Structures are given as C-alpha cells and as structure tokens.
C-alpha cells in the first residue's frame, strides 16, 4: 500500500465521519 493512497483513504474516511456527524446533528436539532 502506497503512502499517497493511505493519505487519500484516511482523508476520505474522515470526510465520511464528518458528514455522518453533521447529519446526526441536524437530525437531533430538527423535531
């Protein structure tokens, strides 16, 4: 596994986590 691929993969994973977190936050705020 190349270093650049690993960096892209971790960045992508973090983006998904952030996106899910934002969705959950919005759901909690909305009635």
N, C-alpha and C. Protein backbone atom coordinates (compact mmCIF):
# COMPACT_ATOMS: atom_id res chain seq x y z
N UNK A 1 0.86 -1.20 0.00
CA UNK A 1 0.00 0.00 0.00
C UNK A 1 0.90 1.25 0.00
N UNK A 2 0.69 2.09 -0.98
CA UNK A 2 1.50 3.31 -1.10
C UNK A 2 1.05 4.38 -0.10
N UNK A 3 1.96 5.27 0.21
CA UNK A 3 1.70 6.32 1.20
C UNK A 3 0.60 7.27 0.73
N UNK A 4 0.65 7.65 -0.53
CA UNK A 4 -0.35 8.59 -1.07
C UNK A 4 -1.75 7.98 -1.01
N UNK A 5 -1.84 6.70 -1.32
CA UNK A 5 -3.14 6.03 -1.27
C UNK A 5 -3.68 6.03 0.15
N UNK A 6 -2.80 5.76 1.10
CA UNK A 6 -3.19 5.74 2.51
C UNK A 6 -3.69 7.11 2.96
N UNK A 7 -3.01 8.16 2.52
CA UNK A 7 -3.42 9.53 2.87
C UNK A 7 -4.79 9.84 2.30
N UNK A 8 -5.01 9.48 1.05
CA UNK A 8 -6.30 9.73 0.40
C UNK A 8 -7.40 8.93 1.11
N UNK A 9 -7.08 7.69 1.46
CA UNK A 9 -8.05 6.83 2.12
C UNK A 9 -8.46 7.38 3.48
N UNK A 10 -7.50 7.82 4.27
CA UNK A 10 -7.80 8.38 5.60
C UNK A 10 -8.58 9.68 5.47
N UNK A 11 -8.21 10.49 4.49
CA UNK A 11 -8.91 11.74 4.26
C UNK A 11 -10.38 11.46 3.91
N UNK A 12 -10.59 10.47 3.05
CA UNK A 12 -11.92 10.07 2.63
C UNK A 12 -12.74 9.54 3.81
N UNK A 13 -12.10 8.74 4.64
CA UNK A 13 -12.78 8.21 5.83
C UNK A 13 -13.20 9.33 6.77
N UNK A 14 -12.32 10.28 6.99
CA UNK A 14 -12.63 11.41 7.87
C UNK A 14 -13.77 12.25 7.32
N UNK A 15 -13.81 12.39 6.01
CA UNK A 15 -14.89 13.16 5.38
C UNK A 15 -16.23 12.48 5.63
N UNK A 16 -16.26 11.16 5.52
CA UNK A 16 -17.49 10.41 5.75
C UNK A 16 -17.93 10.55 7.20
N UNK A 17 -16.98 10.44 8.11
CA UNK A 17 -17.30 10.58 9.53
C UNK A 17 -17.88 11.96 9.82
N UNK A 18 -17.26 12.98 9.25
CA UNK A 18 -17.73 14.35 9.44
C UNK A 18 -19.13 14.51 8.88
N UNK A 19 -19.34 13.96 7.70
CA UNK A 19 -20.64 14.06 7.04
C UNK A 19 -21.73 13.38 7.87
N UNK A 20 -21.45 12.19 8.36
CA UNK A 20 -22.41 11.47 9.20
C UNK A 20 -22.70 12.24 10.48
N UNK A 21 -21.65 12.80 11.06
CA UNK A 21 -21.80 13.57 12.29
C UNK A 21 -22.71 14.77 12.06
N UNK A 22 -22.51 15.46 10.93
CA UNK A 22 -23.35 16.62 10.60
C UNK A 22 -24.80 16.19 10.41
N UNK A 23 -25.01 15.07 9.76
CA UNK A 23 -26.37 14.57 9.54
C UNK A 23 -27.05 14.26 10.87
N UNK A 24 -26.34 13.62 11.77
CA UNK A 24 -26.88 13.27 13.08
C UNK A 24 -27.21 14.54 13.86
N UNK A 25 -26.32 15.51 13.80
CA UNK A 25 -26.54 16.78 14.48
C UNK A 25 -27.80 17.46 13.97
N UNK A 26 -27.95 17.50 12.66
CA UNK A 26 -29.13 18.12 12.05
C UNK A 26 -30.40 17.39 12.48
N UNK A 27 -30.33 16.08 12.53
CA UNK A 27 -31.49 15.28 12.92
C UNK A 27 -31.88 15.54 14.36
N UNK A 28 -30.89 15.73 15.21
CA UNK A 28 -31.17 15.97 16.63
C UNK A 28 -31.78 17.36 16.82
N UNK A 29 -31.31 18.32 16.04
CA UNK A 29 -31.80 19.69 16.17
C UNK A 29 -33.24 19.79 15.65
N UNK A 30 -33.51 19.12 14.55
CA UNK A 30 -34.86 19.16 13.97
C UNK A 30 -35.82 18.31 14.79
N UNK A 31 -37.06 18.75 14.94
CA UNK A 31 -38.04 17.98 15.71
C UNK A 31 -38.54 16.73 14.95
